[in-house]
mmCIF file of all heavy atoms, coordinates in Angstrom:
data_MODEL
# 
_entry.id   MODEL 
# 
loop_
_atom_site.group_PDB 
_atom_site.id 
_atom_site.type_symbol 
_atom_site.label_atom_id 
_atom_site.label_alt_id 
_atom_site.label_comp_id 
_atom_site.label_asym_id 
_atom_site.label_entity_id 
_atom_site.label_seq_id 
_atom_site.pdbx_PDB_ins_code 
_atom_site.Cartn_x 
_atom_site.Cartn_y 
_atom_site.Cartn_z 
_atom_site.occupancy 
_atom_site.B_iso_or_equiv 
_atom_site.pdbx_formal_charge 
_atom_site.auth_seq_id 
_atom_site.auth_comp_id 
_atom_site.auth_asym_id 
_atom_site.auth_atom_id 
_atom_site.pdbx_PDB_model_num 
ATOM 1   N N   . MET A 1 1  ? 186.537 107.618 -95.785  1.00 0.00 ? 1  MET A N   1 
ATOM 2   C CA  . MET A 1 1  ? 185.641 108.602 -96.407  1.00 0.00 ? 1  MET A CA  1 
ATOM 3   C C   . MET A 1 1  ? 184.645 107.869 -97.289  1.00 0.00 ? 1  MET A C   1 
ATOM 4   O O   . MET A 1 1  ? 185.024 106.990 -98.049  1.00 0.00 ? 1  MET A O   1 
ATOM 5   C CB  . MET A 1 1  ? 186.461 109.569 -97.271  1.00 0.00 ? 1  MET A CB  1 
ATOM 6   C CG  . MET A 1 1  ? 185.625 110.700 -97.872  1.00 0.00 ? 1  MET A CG  1 
ATOM 7   S SD  . MET A 1 1  ? 186.674 111.891 -98.750  1.00 0.00 ? 1  MET A SD  1 
ATOM 8   C CE  . MET A 1 1  ? 187.600 112.551 -97.393  1.00 0.00 ? 1  MET A CE  1 
ATOM 9   N N   . PRO A 1 2  ? 183.329 108.189 -97.268  1.00 0.00 ? 2  PRO A N   1 
ATOM 10  C CA  . PRO A 1 2  ? 182.331 107.488 -98.043  1.00 0.00 ? 2  PRO A CA  1 
ATOM 11  C C   . PRO A 1 2  ? 182.654 107.522 -99.524  1.00 0.00 ? 2  PRO A C   1 
ATOM 12  O O   . PRO A 1 2  ? 183.172 108.505 -100.052 1.00 0.00 ? 2  PRO A O   1 
ATOM 13  C CB  . PRO A 1 2  ? 181.041 108.264 -97.742  1.00 0.00 ? 2  PRO A CB  1 
ATOM 14  C CG  . PRO A 1 2  ? 181.303 108.900 -96.431  1.00 0.00 ? 2  PRO A CG  1 
ATOM 15  C CD  . PRO A 1 2  ? 182.749 109.224 -96.425  1.00 0.00 ? 2  PRO A CD  1 
ATOM 16  N N   . LYS A 1 3  ? 182.310 106.442 -100.243 1.00 0.00 ? 3  LYS A N   1 
ATOM 17  C CA  . LYS A 1 3  ? 182.624 106.348 -101.657 1.00 0.00 ? 3  LYS A CA  1 
ATOM 18  C C   . LYS A 1 3  ? 181.944 107.447 -102.458 1.00 0.00 ? 3  LYS A C   1 
ATOM 19  O O   . LYS A 1 3  ? 182.499 107.964 -103.422 1.00 0.00 ? 3  LYS A O   1 
ATOM 20  C CB  . LYS A 1 3  ? 182.209 104.988 -102.195 1.00 0.00 ? 3  LYS A CB  1 
ATOM 21  C CG  . LYS A 1 3  ? 183.067 103.851 -101.650 1.00 0.00 ? 3  LYS A CG  1 
ATOM 22  C CD  . LYS A 1 3  ? 182.653 102.533 -102.282 1.00 0.00 ? 3  LYS A CD  1 
ATOM 23  C CE  . LYS A 1 3  ? 183.526 101.396 -101.767 1.00 0.00 ? 3  LYS A CE  1 
ATOM 24  N NZ  . LYS A 1 3  ? 183.126 100.099 -102.355 1.00 0.00 ? 3  LYS A NZ  1 
ATOM 25  N N   . VAL A 1 4  ? 180.706 107.816 -102.109 1.00 0.00 ? 4  VAL A N   1 
ATOM 26  C CA  . VAL A 1 4  ? 179.989 108.836 -102.844 1.00 0.00 ? 4  VAL A CA  1 
ATOM 27  C C   . VAL A 1 4  ? 180.715 110.160 -102.752 1.00 0.00 ? 4  VAL A C   1 
ATOM 28  O O   . VAL A 1 4  ? 180.859 110.886 -103.723 1.00 0.00 ? 4  VAL A O   1 
ATOM 29  C CB  . VAL A 1 4  ? 178.549 108.983 -102.306 1.00 0.00 ? 4  VAL A CB  1 
ATOM 30  C CG1 . VAL A 1 4  ? 177.852 110.161 -102.953 1.00 0.00 ? 4  VAL A CG1 1 
ATOM 31  C CG2 . VAL A 1 4  ? 177.776 107.692 -102.558 1.00 0.00 ? 4  VAL A CG2 1 
ATOM 32  N N   . TYR A 1 5  ? 181.215 110.476 -101.563 1.00 0.00 ? 5  TYR A N   1 
ATOM 33  C CA  . TYR A 1 5  ? 181.937 111.734 -101.378 1.00 0.00 ? 5  TYR A CA  1 
ATOM 34  C C   . TYR A 1 5  ? 183.217 111.730 -102.200 1.00 0.00 ? 5  TYR A C   1 
ATOM 35  O O   . TYR A 1 5  ? 183.562 112.690 -102.848 1.00 0.00 ? 5  TYR A O   1 
ATOM 36  C CB  . TYR A 1 5  ? 182.240 111.939 -99.900  1.00 0.00 ? 5  TYR A CB  1 
ATOM 37  C CG  . TYR A 1 5  ? 182.991 113.222 -99.614  1.00 0.00 ? 5  TYR A CG  1 
ATOM 38  C CD1 . TYR A 1 5  ? 182.394 114.459 -99.847  1.00 0.00 ? 5  TYR A CD1 1 
ATOM 39  C CD2 . TYR A 1 5  ? 184.286 113.186 -99.107  1.00 0.00 ? 5  TYR A CD2 1 
ATOM 40  C CE1 . TYR A 1 5  ? 183.074 115.634 -99.586  1.00 0.00 ? 5  TYR A CE1 1 
ATOM 41  C CE2 . TYR A 1 5  ? 184.967 114.353 -98.852  1.00 0.00 ? 5  TYR A CE2 1 
ATOM 42  C CZ  . TYR A 1 5  ? 184.352 115.583 -99.084  1.00 0.00 ? 5  TYR A CZ  1 
ATOM 43  O OH  . TYR A 1 5  ? 185.032 116.728 -98.835  1.00 0.00 ? 5  TYR A OH  1 
ATOM 44  N N   . MET A 1 6  ? 183.932 110.593 -102.168 1.00 0.00 ? 6  MET A N   1 
ATOM 45  C CA  . MET A 1 6  ? 185.158 110.494 -102.942 1.00 0.00 ? 6  MET A CA  1 
ATOM 46  C C   . MET A 1 6  ? 184.873 110.638 -104.424 1.00 0.00 ? 6  MET A C   1 
ATOM 47  O O   . MET A 1 6  ? 185.633 111.249 -105.172 1.00 0.00 ? 6  MET A O   1 
ATOM 48  C CB  . MET A 1 6  ? 185.836 109.150 -102.667 1.00 0.00 ? 6  MET A CB  1 
ATOM 49  C CG  . MET A 1 6  ? 186.472 109.066 -101.285 1.00 0.00 ? 6  MET A CG  1 
ATOM 50  S SD  . MET A 1 6  ? 187.765 110.321 -101.045 1.00 0.00 ? 6  MET A SD  1 
ATOM 51  C CE  . MET A 1 6  ? 188.948 109.813 -102.272 1.00 0.00 ? 6  MET A CE  1 
ATOM 52  N N   . SER A 1 7  ? 183.758 110.080 -104.869 1.00 0.00 ? 7  SER A N   1 
ATOM 53  C CA  . SER A 1 7  ? 183.397 110.177 -106.269 1.00 0.00 ? 7  SER A CA  1 
ATOM 54  C C   . SER A 1 7  ? 183.192 111.628 -106.668 1.00 0.00 ? 7  SER A C   1 
ATOM 55  O O   . SER A 1 7  ? 183.643 112.072 -107.708 1.00 0.00 ? 7  SER A O   1 
ATOM 56  C CB  . SER A 1 7  ? 182.136 109.361 -106.534 1.00 0.00 ? 7  SER A CB  1 
ATOM 57  O OG  . SER A 1 7  ? 181.710 109.516 -107.859 1.00 0.00 ? 7  SER A OG  1 
ATOM 58  N N   . LYS A 1 8  ? 182.518 112.376 -105.808 1.00 0.00 ? 8  LYS A N   1 
ATOM 59  C CA  . LYS A 1 8  ? 182.261 113.781 -106.120 1.00 0.00 ? 8  LYS A CA  1 
ATOM 60  C C   . LYS A 1 8  ? 183.566 114.566 -106.123 1.00 0.00 ? 8  LYS A C   1 
ATOM 61  O O   . LYS A 1 8  ? 183.793 115.412 -106.972 1.00 0.00 ? 8  LYS A O   1 
ATOM 62  C CB  . LYS A 1 8  ? 181.270 114.371 -105.124 1.00 0.00 ? 8  LYS A CB  1 
ATOM 63  C CG  . LYS A 1 8  ? 180.940 115.831 -105.426 1.00 0.00 ? 8  LYS A CG  1 
ATOM 64  C CD  . LYS A 1 8  ? 179.788 116.330 -104.577 1.00 0.00 ? 8  LYS A CD  1 
ATOM 65  C CE  . LYS A 1 8  ? 178.476 115.758 -105.041 1.00 0.00 ? 8  LYS A CE  1 
ATOM 66  N NZ  . LYS A 1 8  ? 177.326 116.403 -104.381 1.00 0.00 ? 8  LYS A NZ  1 
ATOM 67  N N   . ILE A 1 9  ? 184.448 114.279 -105.183 1.00 0.00 ? 9  ILE A N   1 
ATOM 68  C CA  . ILE A 1 9  ? 185.746 114.957 -105.152 1.00 0.00 ? 9  ILE A CA  1 
ATOM 69  C C   . ILE A 1 9  ? 186.508 114.652 -106.432 1.00 0.00 ? 9  ILE A C   1 
ATOM 70  O O   . ILE A 1 9  ? 187.117 115.529 -107.045 1.00 0.00 ? 9  ILE A O   1 
ATOM 71  C CB  . ILE A 1 9  ? 186.566 114.516 -103.927 1.00 0.00 ? 9  ILE A CB  1 
ATOM 72  C CG1 . ILE A 1 9  ? 185.935 115.085 -102.648 1.00 0.00 ? 9  ILE A CG1 1 
ATOM 73  C CG2 . ILE A 1 9  ? 188.005 114.980 -104.049 1.00 0.00 ? 9  ILE A CG2 1 
ATOM 74  C CD1 . ILE A 1 9  ? 186.613 114.617 -101.391 1.00 0.00 ? 9  ILE A CD1 1 
ATOM 75  N N   . GLY A 1 10 ? 186.450 113.383 -106.859 1.00 0.00 ? 10 GLY A N   1 
ATOM 76  C CA  . GLY A 1 10 ? 187.169 112.999 -108.064 1.00 0.00 ? 10 GLY A CA  1 
ATOM 77  C C   . GLY A 1 10 ? 186.669 113.740 -109.288 1.00 0.00 ? 10 GLY A C   1 
ATOM 78  O O   . GLY A 1 10 ? 187.454 114.225 -110.093 1.00 0.00 ? 10 GLY A O   1 
ATOM 79  N N   . VAL A 1 11 ? 185.367 113.847 -109.428 1.00 0.00 ? 11 VAL A N   1 
ATOM 80  C CA  . VAL A 1 11 ? 184.838 114.520 -110.605 1.00 0.00 ? 11 VAL A CA  1 
ATOM 81  C C   . VAL A 1 11 ? 185.132 116.004 -110.572 1.00 0.00 ? 11 VAL A C   1 
ATOM 82  O O   . VAL A 1 11 ? 185.425 116.616 -111.593 1.00 0.00 ? 11 VAL A O   1 
ATOM 83  C CB  . VAL A 1 11 ? 183.320 114.277 -110.764 1.00 0.00 ? 11 VAL A CB  1 
ATOM 84  C CG1 . VAL A 1 11 ? 182.508 115.053 -109.752 1.00 0.00 ? 11 VAL A CG1 1 
ATOM 85  C CG2 . VAL A 1 11 ? 182.868 114.643 -112.180 1.00 0.00 ? 11 VAL A CG2 1 
ATOM 86  N N   . ILE A 1 12 ? 185.090 116.610 -109.378 1.00 0.00 ? 12 ILE A N   1 
ATOM 87  C CA  . ILE A 1 12 ? 185.409 118.035 -109.280 1.00 0.00 ? 12 ILE A CA  1 
ATOM 88  C C   . ILE A 1 12 ? 186.873 118.268 -109.611 1.00 0.00 ? 12 ILE A C   1 
ATOM 89  O O   . ILE A 1 12 ? 187.233 119.192 -110.341 1.00 0.00 ? 12 ILE A O   1 
ATOM 90  C CB  . ILE A 1 12 ? 185.077 118.569 -107.870 1.00 0.00 ? 12 ILE A CB  1 
ATOM 91  C CG1 . ILE A 1 12 ? 183.568 118.498 -107.621 1.00 0.00 ? 12 ILE A CG1 1 
ATOM 92  C CG2 . ILE A 1 12 ? 185.546 120.008 -107.725 1.00 0.00 ? 12 ILE A CG2 1 
ATOM 93  C CD1 . ILE A 1 12 ? 183.179 118.756 -106.191 1.00 0.00 ? 12 ILE A CD1 1 
ATOM 94  N N   . SER A 1 13 ? 187.755 117.399 -109.096 1.00 0.00 ? 13 SER A N   1 
ATOM 95  C CA  . SER A 1 13 ? 189.182 117.531 -109.385 1.00 0.00 ? 13 SER A CA  1 
ATOM 96  C C   . SER A 1 13 ? 189.430 117.386 -110.874 1.00 0.00 ? 13 SER A C   1 
ATOM 97  O O   . SER A 1 13 ? 190.189 118.143 -111.478 1.00 0.00 ? 13 SER A O   1 
ATOM 98  C CB  . SER A 1 13 ? 189.972 116.466 -108.616 1.00 0.00 ? 13 SER A CB  1 
ATOM 99  O OG  . SER A 1 13 ? 189.787 116.606 -107.231 1.00 0.00 ? 13 SER A OG  1 
ATOM 100 N N   . GLY A 1 14 ? 188.774 116.404 -111.478 1.00 0.00 ? 14 GLY A N   1 
ATOM 101 C CA  . GLY A 1 14 ? 188.957 116.196 -112.902 1.00 0.00 ? 14 GLY A CA  1 
ATOM 102 C C   . GLY A 1 14 ? 188.448 117.357 -113.716 1.00 0.00 ? 14 GLY A C   1 
ATOM 103 O O   . GLY A 1 14 ? 189.029 117.743 -114.726 1.00 0.00 ? 14 GLY A O   1 
ATOM 104 N N   . LEU A 1 15 ? 187.326 117.913 -113.290 1.00 0.00 ? 15 LEU A N   1 
ATOM 105 C CA  . LEU A 1 15 ? 186.765 119.061 -113.979 1.00 0.00 ? 15 LEU A CA  1 
ATOM 106 C C   . LEU A 1 15 ? 187.731 120.224 -113.983 1.00 0.00 ? 15 LEU A C   1 
ATOM 107 O O   . LEU A 1 15 ? 187.951 120.877 -115.001 1.00 0.00 ? 15 LEU A O   1 
ATOM 108 C CB  . LEU A 1 15 ? 185.457 119.474 -113.309 1.00 0.00 ? 15 LEU A CB  1 
ATOM 109 C CG  . LEU A 1 15 ? 184.775 120.735 -113.866 1.00 0.00 ? 15 LEU A CG  1 
ATOM 110 C CD1 . LEU A 1 15 ? 184.471 120.536 -115.335 1.00 0.00 ? 15 LEU A CD1 1 
ATOM 111 C CD2 . LEU A 1 15 ? 183.518 121.043 -113.096 1.00 0.00 ? 15 LEU A CD2 1 
ATOM 112 N N   . MET A 1 16 ? 188.344 120.460 -112.831 1.00 0.00 ? 16 MET A N   1 
ATOM 113 C CA  . MET A 1 16 ? 189.309 121.558 -112.764 1.00 0.00 ? 16 MET A CA  1 
ATOM 114 C C   . MET A 1 16 ? 190.462 121.334 -113.734 1.00 0.00 ? 16 MET A C   1 
ATOM 115 O O   . MET A 1 16 ? 190.892 122.233 -114.443 1.00 0.00 ? 16 MET A O   1 
ATOM 116 C CB  . MET A 1 16 ? 189.874 121.666 -111.336 1.00 0.00 ? 16 MET A CB  1 
ATOM 117 C CG  . MET A 1 16 ? 188.854 122.030 -110.264 1.00 0.00 ? 16 MET A CG  1 
ATOM 118 S SD  . MET A 1 16 ? 188.111 123.664 -110.492 1.00 0.00 ? 16 MET A SD  1 
ATOM 119 C CE  . MET A 1 16 ? 186.532 123.219 -111.189 1.00 0.00 ? 16 MET A CE  1 
ATOM 120 N N   . ALA A 1 17 ? 190.964 120.088 -113.778 1.00 0.00 ? 17 ALA A N   1 
ATOM 121 C CA  . ALA A 1 17 ? 192.092 119.780 -114.653 1.00 0.00 ? 17 ALA A CA  1 
ATOM 122 C C   . ALA A 1 17 ? 191.701 119.943 -116.109 1.00 0.00 ? 17 ALA A C   1 
ATOM 123 O O   . ALA A 1 17 ? 192.445 120.509 -116.914 1.00 0.00 ? 17 ALA A O   1 
ATOM 124 C CB  . ALA A 1 17 ? 192.576 118.354 -114.394 1.00 0.00 ? 17 ALA A CB  1 
ATOM 125 N N   . LEU A 1 18 ? 190.521 119.454 -116.478 1.00 0.00 ? 18 LEU A N   1 
ATOM 126 C CA  . LEU A 1 18 ? 190.113 119.526 -117.866 1.00 0.00 ? 18 LEU A CA  1 
ATOM 127 C C   . LEU A 1 18 ? 189.824 120.955 -118.282 1.00 0.00 ? 18 LEU A C   1 
ATOM 128 O O   . LEU A 1 18 ? 190.124 121.364 -119.398 1.00 0.00 ? 18 LEU A O   1 
ATOM 129 C CB  . LEU A 1 18 ? 188.876 118.665 -118.105 1.00 0.00 ? 18 LEU A CB  1 
ATOM 130 C CG  . LEU A 1 18 ? 188.528 118.493 -119.583 1.00 0.00 ? 18 LEU A CG  1 
ATOM 131 C CD1 . LEU A 1 18 ? 189.649 117.751 -120.311 1.00 0.00 ? 18 LEU A CD1 1 
ATOM 132 C CD2 . LEU A 1 18 ? 187.228 117.764 -119.753 1.00 0.00 ? 18 LEU A CD2 1 
ATOM 133 N N   . LEU A 1 19 ? 189.267 121.740 -117.386 1.00 0.00 ? 19 LEU A N   1 
ATOM 134 C CA  . LEU A 1 19 ? 189.017 123.136 -117.703 1.00 0.00 ? 19 LEU A CA  1 
ATOM 135 C C   . LEU A 1 19 ? 190.330 123.858 -117.944 1.00 0.00 ? 19 LEU A C   1 
ATOM 136 O O   . LEU A 1 19 ? 190.417 124.760 -118.768 1.00 0.00 ? 19 LEU A O   1 
ATOM 137 C CB  . LEU A 1 19 ? 188.236 123.805 -116.572 1.00 0.00 ? 19 LEU A CB  1 
ATOM 138 C CG  . LEU A 1 19 ? 186.758 123.416 -116.482 1.00 0.00 ? 19 LEU A CG  1 
ATOM 139 C CD1 . LEU A 1 19 ? 186.145 123.989 -115.217 1.00 0.00 ? 19 LEU A CD1 1 
ATOM 140 C CD2 . LEU A 1 19 ? 186.000 123.873 -117.699 1.00 0.00 ? 19 LEU A CD2 1 
ATOM 141 N N   . ALA A 1 20 ? 191.375 123.441 -117.228 1.00 0.00 ? 20 ALA A N   1 
ATOM 142 C CA  . ALA A 1 20 ? 192.693 124.045 -117.451 1.00 0.00 ? 20 ALA A CA  1 
ATOM 143 C C   . ALA A 1 20 ? 193.159 123.751 -118.866 1.00 0.00 ? 20 ALA A C   1 
ATOM 144 O O   . ALA A 1 20 ? 193.677 124.615 -119.573 1.00 0.00 ? 20 ALA A O   1 
ATOM 145 C CB  . ALA A 1 20 ? 193.701 123.489 -116.448 1.00 0.00 ? 20 ALA A CB  1 
ATOM 146 N N   . MET A 1 21 ? 192.990 122.490 -119.301 1.00 0.00 ? 21 MET A N   1 
ATOM 147 C CA  . MET A 1 21 ? 193.384 122.109 -120.647 1.00 0.00 ? 21 MET A CA  1 
ATOM 148 C C   . MET A 1 21 ? 192.569 122.880 -121.676 1.00 0.00 ? 21 MET A C   1 
ATOM 149 O O   . MET A 1 21 ? 193.081 123.344 -122.682 1.00 0.00 ? 21 MET A O   1 
ATOM 150 C CB  . MET A 1 21 ? 193.167 120.602 -120.846 1.00 0.00 ? 21 MET A CB  1 
ATOM 151 C CG  . MET A 1 21 ? 194.069 119.735 -119.998 1.00 0.00 ? 21 MET A CG  1 
ATOM 152 S SD  . MET A 1 21 ? 193.559 118.005 -120.054 1.00 0.00 ? 21 MET A SD  1 
ATOM 153 C CE  . MET A 1 21 ? 193.718 117.682 -121.812 1.00 0.00 ? 21 MET A CE  1 
ATOM 154 N N   . THR A 1 22 ? 191.283 123.030 -121.406 1.00 0.00 ? 22 THR A N   1 
ATOM 155 C CA  . THR A 1 22 ? 190.394 123.693 -122.349 1.00 0.00 ? 22 THR A CA  1 
ATOM 156 C C   . THR A 1 22 ? 190.722 125.163 -122.487 1.00 0.00 ? 22 THR A C   1 
ATOM 157 O O   . THR A 1 22 ? 190.680 125.727 -123.567 1.00 0.00 ? 22 THR A O   1 
ATOM 158 C CB  . THR A 1 22 ? 188.936 123.550 -121.889 1.00 0.00 ? 22 THR A CB  1 
ATOM 159 O OG1 . THR A 1 22 ? 188.638 122.163 -121.749 1.00 0.00 ? 22 THR A OG1 1 
ATOM 160 C CG2 . THR A 1 22 ? 187.973 124.181 -122.882 1.00 0.00 ? 22 THR A CG2 1 
ATOM 161 N N   . SER A 1 23 ? 191.075 125.802 -121.357 1.00 0.00 ? 23 SER A N   1 
ATOM 162 C CA  . SER A 1 23 ? 191.263 127.254 -121.384 1.00 0.00 ? 23 SER A CA  1 
ATOM 163 C C   . SER A 1 23 ? 192.693 127.681 -121.659 1.00 0.00 ? 23 SER A C   1 
ATOM 164 O O   . SER A 1 23 ? 192.926 128.779 -122.121 1.00 0.00 ? 23 SER A O   1 
ATOM 165 C CB  . SER A 1 23 ? 190.810 127.860 -120.052 1.00 0.00 ? 23 SER A CB  1 
ATOM 166 O OG  . SER A 1 23 ? 191.565 127.331 -118.996 1.00 0.00 ? 23 SER A OG  1 
ATOM 167 N N   . CYS A 1 24 ? 193.670 126.812 -121.381 1.00 0.00 ? 24 CYS A N   1 
ATOM 168 C CA  . CYS A 1 24 ? 195.060 127.243 -121.441 1.00 0.00 ? 24 CYS A CA  1 
ATOM 169 C C   . CYS A 1 24 ? 195.871 126.616 -122.569 1.00 0.00 ? 24 CYS A C   1 
ATOM 170 O O   . CYS A 1 24 ? 196.887 127.150 -122.969 1.00 0.00 ? 24 CYS A O   1 
ATOM 171 C CB  . CYS A 1 24 ? 195.761 126.946 -120.109 1.00 0.00 ? 24 CYS A CB  1 
ATOM 172 S SG  . CYS A 1 24 ? 194.986 127.770 -118.707 1.00 0.00 ? 24 CYS A SG  1 
ATOM 173 N N   . LYS A 1 25 ? 195.460 125.465 -123.075 1.00 0.00 ? 25 LYS A N   1 
ATOM 174 C CA  . LYS A 1 25 ? 196.265 124.770 -124.056 1.00 0.00 ? 25 LYS A CA  1 
ATOM 175 C C   . LYS A 1 25 ? 196.158 125.443 -125.410 1.00 0.00 ? 25 LYS A C   1 
ATOM 176 O O   . LYS A 1 25 ? 195.090 125.786 -125.871 1.00 0.00 ? 25 LYS A O   1 
ATOM 177 C CB  . LYS A 1 25 ? 195.810 123.316 -124.155 1.00 0.00 ? 25 LYS A CB  1 
ATOM 178 C CG  . LYS A 1 25 ? 196.958 122.358 -124.323 1.00 0.00 ? 25 LYS A CG  1 
ATOM 179 C CD  . LYS A 1 25 ? 196.461 120.923 -124.225 1.00 0.00 ? 25 LYS A CD  1 
ATOM 180 C CE  . LYS A 1 25 ? 197.610 119.952 -124.359 1.00 0.00 ? 25 LYS A CE  1 
ATOM 181 N NZ  . LYS A 1 25 ? 197.156 118.570 -124.317 1.00 0.00 ? 25 LYS A NZ  1 
ATOM 182 N N   . ASP A 1 26 ? 197.312 125.580 -126.105 1.00 0.00 ? 26 ASP A N   1 
ATOM 183 C CA  . ASP A 1 26 ? 197.332 126.207 -127.408 1.00 0.00 ? 26 ASP A CA  1 
ATOM 184 C C   . ASP A 1 26 ? 197.244 125.124 -128.457 1.00 0.00 ? 26 ASP A C   1 
ATOM 185 O O   . ASP A 1 26 ? 198.212 124.444 -128.754 1.00 0.00 ? 26 ASP A O   1 
ATOM 186 C CB  . ASP A 1 26 ? 198.633 127.013 -127.575 1.00 0.00 ? 26 ASP A CB  1 
ATOM 187 C CG  . ASP A 1 26 ? 198.648 127.755 -128.891 1.00 0.00 ? 26 ASP A CG  1 
ATOM 188 O OD1 . ASP A 1 26 ? 197.591 127.889 -129.524 1.00 0.00 ? 26 ASP A OD1 1 
ATOM 189 O OD2 . ASP A 1 26 ? 199.732 128.203 -129.273 1.00 0.00 ? 26 ASP A OD2 1 
# 
């Protein structure tokens, strides 16, 4: 898989995880 595509997948995955922390963590 091209590196650019993997980079975008990585940032999207990370965004989802961080948004979870931002919205759910007490």
